[in-house]
Amino acid sequence: MTTCDSVIVHYGPLEATLHVARAALAWSGKVIVVANDLSPRPTECPKQVEWVVPSRNLGFGEALNIACGRSSADVLLALNNDILLDSVAVALCLEEFADPSVAVVGPVLRFPDQSIQSAGGHLSRTLQLPVMDLIAPHRPQDCTWVTGAVMALERETLSRIKMDGTFFLGCEDVDYCLRASRSGMRVRVVPVENAIHFGSVVISGPRWHYYVTRNPVWLCRKHRPGPWWAVVLVHQAVLTCRVGFADLLKRRGRARTLSCLHGLADSLRRKPESVPWRDEPRPSRWLRW
């Protein structure tokens, strides 16, 4: 029987994280919360939950690496704190690890209205950028990547390959799946009925614009060596212009445009090798994080 520990990367209001942690106790040998906002263990936290406070906010990927080092289960299940999941969905995902070639499994995720949010993903034909699939398969199947909102990871593979925490927020899930596949392992998506992602409840608004601008360029620079990343940079610059026009027309301020411009500038800098920049989250320099 495949054993499972769950990890929740916490930031912001405690209620959502504690709700998911309590639910995860139903299928987990251990629940690990990595408190990236450095908040101390709350008194109402169940005693079965391990509350880890890192030295600083290390982002999503590095938090999973920390949890991996504290787990001895077969599988580490990464969960956002804006997820609604049940034991049946988890069990269906864990069944895929009966095949030793499987390294990553994700369920089909839905919005609260039951429309598909993500059924795995692929890379676009021209730019090779991540694109979510929006048609649920009839049975489990291989895919290029699954979203980190709910991501089951074979722990021994994770301890060997490790998440690239330097992305900090966004694209580390795609990057990991690509590297796992290149090592000969498989990535699977599983159709389930009860996996809901409310989406961007904690990290929302202009803060996302920085990372969705910078990280796709970094992803291309890492996986597609050569000048092709410059084409992706131009693509991101065009999207930044669109955001700027939208800010102007909707009179919603310049925060989104400013975040995109910073993302473009930082995408030209050398990507860190192992840990995030010391001043992450970078948008906290010009926005209230």
Protein backbone atom coordinates (compact mmCIF):
# COMPACT_ATOMS: atom_id res chain seq x y z
CA MET A 1 0.00 0.00 0.00
CA THR A 2 1.33 3.42 -0.97
CA THR A 3 1.91 5.68 2.04
CA CYS A 4 1.34 9.41 1.80
CA ASP A 5 2.32 12.53 3.70
CA SER A 6 0.80 15.90 2.81
CA VAL A 7 2.48 19.30 2.72
CA ILE A 8 0.81 22.70 2.71
CA VAL A 9 2.84 25.82 1.96
CA HIS A 10 1.26 28.41 4.23
CA TYR A 11 1.05 32.16 3.73
CA GLY A 12 -1.55 34.58 5.02
CA PRO A 13 -4.77 33.82 6.95
CA LEU A 14 -4.52 30.74 9.15
CA GLU A 15 -8.08 29.50 8.77
CA ALA A 16 -7.70 28.21 5.21
CA THR A 17 -4.47 26.35 5.97
CA LEU A 18 -5.85 24.75 9.12
CA HIS A 19 -9.01 23.68 7.27
CA VAL A 20 -7.00 21.88 4.57
CA ALA A 21 -4.59 20.42 7.17
CA ARG A 22 -7.46 18.90 9.14
CA ALA A 23 -8.95 17.41 5.98
CA ALA A 24 -5.56 16.00 4.93
CA LEU A 25 -5.24 14.05 8.17
CA ALA A 26 -7.82 11.62 6.71
CA TRP A 27 -5.36 10.29 4.12
CA SER A 28 -1.95 11.31 5.45
CA GLY A 29 0.49 9.60 7.75
CA LYS A 30 1.72 13.10 8.55
CA VAL A 31 0.71 16.62 7.54
CA ILE A 32 3.55 19.13 7.24
CA VAL A 33 2.84 22.86 7.09
CA VAL A 34 5.72 25.06 5.95
CA ALA A 35 4.89 28.57 7.20
CA ASN A 36 6.48 30.83 4.61
CA ASP A 37 5.07 33.90 6.36
CA LEU A 38 7.11 32.83 9.43
CA SER A 39 4.01 32.65 11.61
CA PRO A 40 4.39 30.55 14.79
CA ARG A 41 2.38 27.41 15.33
CA PRO A 42 -1.21 28.41 16.18
CA THR A 43 -2.71 27.02 19.35
CA GLU A 44 -5.66 25.55 17.43
CA CYS A 45 -3.41 23.53 15.10
CA PRO A 46 -4.03 19.76 15.51
CA LYS A 47 -1.19 18.03 17.31
CA GLN A 48 -0.78 15.57 14.39
CA VAL A 49 0.26 18.48 12.14
CA GLU A 50 3.96 19.34 11.97
CA TRP A 51 4.38 23.12 11.76
CA VAL A 52 7.71 24.17 10.20
CA VAL A 53 8.94 27.77 10.26
CA PRO A 54 11.81 28.30 7.77
CA SER A 55 14.57 30.86 8.19
CA ARG A 56 12.84 33.12 5.63
CA ASN A 57 10.18 32.99 2.94
CA LEU A 58 11.71 30.48 0.51
CA GLY A 59 8.79 30.17 -1.89
CA PHE A 60 6.83 27.14 -3.03
CA GLY A 61 9.49 24.83 -4.46
CA GLU A 62 11.99 25.14 -1.64
CA ALA A 63 9.20 24.57 0.89
CA LEU A 64 8.48 21.23 -0.78
CA ASN A 65 12.16 20.32 -0.57
CA ILE A 66 12.07 21.06 3.16
CA ALA A 67 9.00 18.87 3.61
CA CYS A 68 10.59 16.08 1.58
CA GLY A 69 13.47 15.96 4.05
CA ARG A 70 11.02 15.55 6.93
CA SER A 71 8.95 12.77 5.34
CA SER A 72 9.50 9.03 5.07
CA ALA A 73 6.32 8.25 3.11
CA ASP A 74 6.26 6.86 -0.42
CA VAL A 75 4.47 9.94 -1.76
CA LEU A 76 4.44 13.59 -0.78
CA LEU A 77 1.15 15.30 -1.66
CA ALA A 78 1.53 19.06 -2.17
CA LEU A 79 -1.66 21.01 -1.46
CA ASN A 80 -2.56 24.66 -1.84
CA ASN A 81 -4.63 26.00 1.04
CA ASP A 82 -7.44 26.97 -1.36
CA ILE A 83 -8.18 23.33 -2.26
CA LEU A 84 -11.20 21.16 -1.55
CA LEU A 85 -10.28 17.48 -1.85
CA ASP A 86 -11.51 14.13 -0.55
CA SER A 87 -9.99 10.76 0.26
CA VAL A 88 -11.43 9.10 -2.85
CA ALA A 89 -9.64 11.55 -5.16
CA VAL A 90 -6.38 11.09 -3.26
CA ALA A 91 -6.67 7.29 -3.40
CA LEU A 92 -7.17 7.37 -7.17
CA CYS A 93 -4.00 9.44 -7.54
CA LEU A 94 -2.00 7.17 -5.24
CA GLU A 95 -3.00 4.10 -7.28
CA GLU A 96 -0.86 5.43 -10.14
CA PHE A 97 2.31 4.97 -8.08
CA ALA A 98 1.90 1.20 -8.32
CA ASP A 99 3.86 1.74 -11.54
CA PRO A 100 7.46 2.47 -10.42
CA SER A 101 8.03 4.65 -13.48
CA VAL A 102 5.52 7.26 -12.24
CA ALA A 103 7.04 10.31 -10.52
CA VAL A 104 4.22 12.87 -10.52
CA VAL A 105 0.43 12.60 -10.44
CA GLY A 106 -2.19 15.32 -10.43
CA PRO A 107 -5.99 15.15 -10.37
CA VAL A 108 -8.22 16.99 -12.80
CA LEU A 109 -8.99 20.24 -10.99
CA ARG A 110 -12.31 22.05 -11.25
CA PHE A 111 -13.64 25.46 -10.35
CA PRO A 112 -16.44 25.62 -7.77
CA ASP A 113 -18.99 25.65 -10.64
CA GLN A 114 -17.53 22.27 -11.78
CA SER A 115 -15.98 23.66 -14.97
CA ILE A 116 -12.46 22.36 -15.70
CA GLN A 117 -9.61 24.47 -14.40
CA SER A 118 -6.78 22.08 -15.25
CA ALA A 119 -6.60 18.59 -16.70
CA GLY A 120 -2.82 18.56 -16.76
CA GLY A 121 -0.94 20.62 -19.29
CA HIS A 122 1.31 20.72 -22.33
CA LEU A 123 3.79 23.11 -23.91
CA SER A 124 2.65 25.40 -26.72
CA ARG A 125 3.83 24.36 -30.16
CA THR A 126 5.70 27.54 -31.08
CA LEU A 127 6.94 29.16 -27.88
CA GLN A 128 6.99 25.99 -25.76
CA LEU A 129 5.25 27.83 -22.93
CA PRO A 130 3.02 26.04 -20.39
CA VAL A 131 -0.63 25.70 -21.43
CA MET A 132 -3.32 24.05 -19.29
CA ASP A 133 -5.45 21.31 -20.84
CA LEU A 134 -9.17 21.93 -20.32
CA ILE A 135 -10.68 18.60 -21.40
CA ALA A 136 -10.81 15.90 -18.75
CA PRO A 137 -9.61 12.48 -19.93
CA HIS A 138 -11.86 9.45 -19.48
CA ARG A 139 -9.07 7.55 -17.71
CA PRO A 140 -5.64 8.30 -16.23
CA GLN A 141 -3.11 9.28 -18.86
CA ASP A 142 0.37 10.70 -19.32
CA CYS A 143 0.77 14.45 -19.70
CA THR A 144 3.61 16.97 -19.86
CA TRP A 145 2.95 18.67 -16.52
CA VAL A 146 0.43 19.04 -13.71
CA THR A 147 -0.20 22.08 -11.56
CA GLY A 148 1.34 22.36 -8.12
CA ALA A 149 -2.04 23.28 -6.60
CA VAL A 150 -2.49 19.52 -6.02
CA MET A 151 0.60 17.55 -6.94
CA ALA A 152 1.52 14.05 -5.73
CA LEU A 153 5.26 13.46 -5.88
CA GLU A 154 7.13 10.17 -5.52
CA ARG A 155 9.33 11.08 -2.57
CA GLU A 156 12.52 9.27 -3.57
CA THR A 157 12.43 10.95 -6.97
CA LEU A 158 11.86 14.33 -5.30
CA SER A 159 14.78 13.75 -2.93
CA ARG A 160 16.97 13.03 -5.95
CA ILE A 161 15.81 15.63 -8.46
CA LYS A 162 14.46 18.31 -6.06
CA MET A 163 12.27 21.27 -6.83
CA ASP A 164 13.94 24.35 -8.29
CA GLY A 165 13.06 26.83 -5.57
CA THR A 166 14.63 29.76 -7.39
CA PHE A 167 11.42 30.32 -9.37
CA PHE A 168 9.89 31.16 -5.96
CA LEU A 169 6.28 31.28 -7.19
CA GLY A 170 5.14 29.81 -10.49
CA CYS A 171 6.65 27.50 -13.15
CA GLU A 172 8.48 25.33 -10.61
CA ASP A 173 5.78 22.67 -11.08
CA VAL A 174 6.26 22.68 -14.87
CA ASP A 175 10.04 22.70 -14.50
CA TYR A 176 9.96 19.71 -12.13
CA CYS A 177 7.70 17.67 -14.41
CA LEU A 178 9.95 18.37 -17.40
CA ARG A 179 13.06 17.29 -15.51
CA ALA A 180 11.35 14.20 -14.11
CA SER A 181 10.29 13.19 -17.62
CA ARG A 182 13.80 13.68 -18.96
CA SER A 183 15.10 11.37 -16.25
CA GLY A 184 12.84 8.61 -17.64
CA MET A 185 9.93 9.03 -15.21
CA ARG A 186 6.26 9.63 -16.07
CA VAL A 187 3.79 12.39 -15.24
CA ARG A 188 0.11 11.40 -14.98
CA VAL A 189 -3.22 13.18 -14.74
CA VAL A 190 -6.19 11.39 -13.15
CA PRO A 191 -9.89 12.19 -13.69
CA VAL A 192 -11.62 12.60 -10.31
CA GLU A 193 -14.94 14.06 -9.23
CA ASN A 194 -14.04 15.98 -6.08
CA ALA A 195 -10.98 18.17 -6.54
CA ILE A 196 -11.88 21.85 -6.37
CA HIS A 197 -9.43 24.74 -6.62
CA PHE A 198 -10.84 28.10 -5.64
CA GLY A 199 -7.71 29.77 -7.04
CA SER A 200 -5.55 32.77 -6.05
CA VAL A 201 -7.26 33.30 -2.72
CA VAL A 202 -4.08 34.22 -0.84
CA ILE A 203 -1.70 35.45 -3.55
CA SER A 204 -3.74 37.55 -5.96
CA GLY A 205 -3.87 40.82 -7.83
CA PRO A 206 -0.77 42.68 -9.08
CA ARG A 207 1.61 40.45 -7.14
CA TRP A 208 1.10 37.62 -9.61
CA HIS A 209 1.94 39.81 -12.61
CA TYR A 210 5.62 39.93 -11.68
CA TYR A 211 6.04 36.15 -11.58
CA VAL A 212 3.91 35.35 -14.63
CA THR A 213 6.13 37.77 -16.56
CA ARG A 214 9.56 36.74 -15.24
CA ASN A 215 9.28 33.00 -14.72
CA PRO A 216 8.21 31.88 -18.22
CA VAL A 217 11.35 33.55 -19.58
CA TRP A 218 13.47 31.79 -16.95
CA LEU A 219 11.75 28.50 -17.77
CA CYS A 220 12.62 28.89 -21.46
CA ARG A 221 16.20 29.91 -20.70
CA LYS A 222 16.61 26.79 -18.59
CA HIS A 223 15.00 24.24 -20.92
CA ARG A 224 15.60 25.71 -24.34
CA PRO A 225 19.20 26.95 -24.50
CA GLY A 226 20.12 29.41 -27.20
CA PRO A 227 18.52 32.61 -28.46
CA TRP A 228 14.94 31.30 -28.44
CA TRP A 229 14.29 32.78 -25.00
CA ALA A 230 14.52 36.25 -26.63
CA VAL A 231 11.37 35.41 -28.60
CA VAL A 232 9.63 34.53 -25.33
CA LEU A 233 10.91 37.80 -23.87
CA VAL A 234 9.28 39.71 -26.75
CA HIS A 235 6.08 37.77 -26.19
CA GLN A 236 6.11 38.76 -22.50
CA ALA A 237 6.81 42.38 -23.47
CA VAL A 238 3.71 42.37 -25.72
CA LEU A 239 1.64 41.01 -22.85
CA THR A 240 3.04 43.77 -20.62
CA CYS A 241 1.85 46.37 -23.15
CA ARG A 242 -1.61 44.84 -23.02
CA VAL A 243 -1.61 45.05 -19.22
CA GLY A 244 -0.51 48.68 -19.44
CA PHE A 245 -3.36 49.57 -21.80
CA ALA A 246 -5.83 47.74 -19.55
CA ASP A 247 -4.57 49.64 -16.49
CA LEU A 248 -5.05 52.89 -18.37
CA LEU A 249 -8.50 52.12 -19.78
CA LYS A 250 -9.86 50.69 -16.54
CA ARG A 251 -8.23 53.39 -14.41
CA ARG A 252 -7.06 50.79 -11.94
CA GLY A 253 -3.65 52.28 -11.18
CA ARG A 254 -0.21 51.23 -12.39
CA ALA A 255 0.59 48.38 -9.99
CA ARG A 256 0.07 45.61 -12.55
CA THR A 257 2.09 47.37 -15.23
CA LEU A 258 4.88 48.15 -12.78
CA SER A 259 5.01 44.50 -11.68
CA CYS A 260 5.22 43.32 -15.30
CA LEU A 261 8.00 45.79 -16.08
CA HIS A 262 10.00 44.62 -13.07
CA GLY A 263 9.39 41.03 -14.19
CA LEU A 264 10.73 41.80 -17.66
CA ALA A 265 13.83 43.47 -16.23
CA ASP A 266 14.53 40.65 -13.80
CA SER A 267 14.02 37.98 -16.46
CA LEU A 268 17.22 39.32 -18.07
CA ARG A 269 19.20 38.80 -14.89
CA ARG A 270 21.02 35.56 -14.18
CA LYS A 271 18.70 33.05 -12.58
CA PRO A 272 19.94 31.82 -9.18
CA GLU A 273 21.38 28.32 -9.07
CA SER A 274 19.90 26.89 -5.87
CA VAL A 275 17.96 29.18 -3.53
CA PRO A 276 15.74 32.22 -4.22
CA TRP A 277 17.11 35.74 -4.18
CA ARG A 278 17.48 37.14 -0.69
CA ASP A 279 14.88 39.85 -1.35
CA GLU A 280 12.10 37.49 -2.46
CA PRO A 281 9.22 38.06 -2.73
CA ARG A 282 10.49 40.74 -5.08
CA PRO A 283 7.12 42.51 -5.51
CA SER A 284 7.21 43.42 -1.81
CA ARG A 285 9.70 46.14 -2.85
CA TRP A 286 6.94 48.14 -4.60
CA LEU A 287 3.69 46.50 -3.44
CA ARG A 288 2.16 45.63 -0.12
CA TRP A 289 2.78 41.88 -0.03
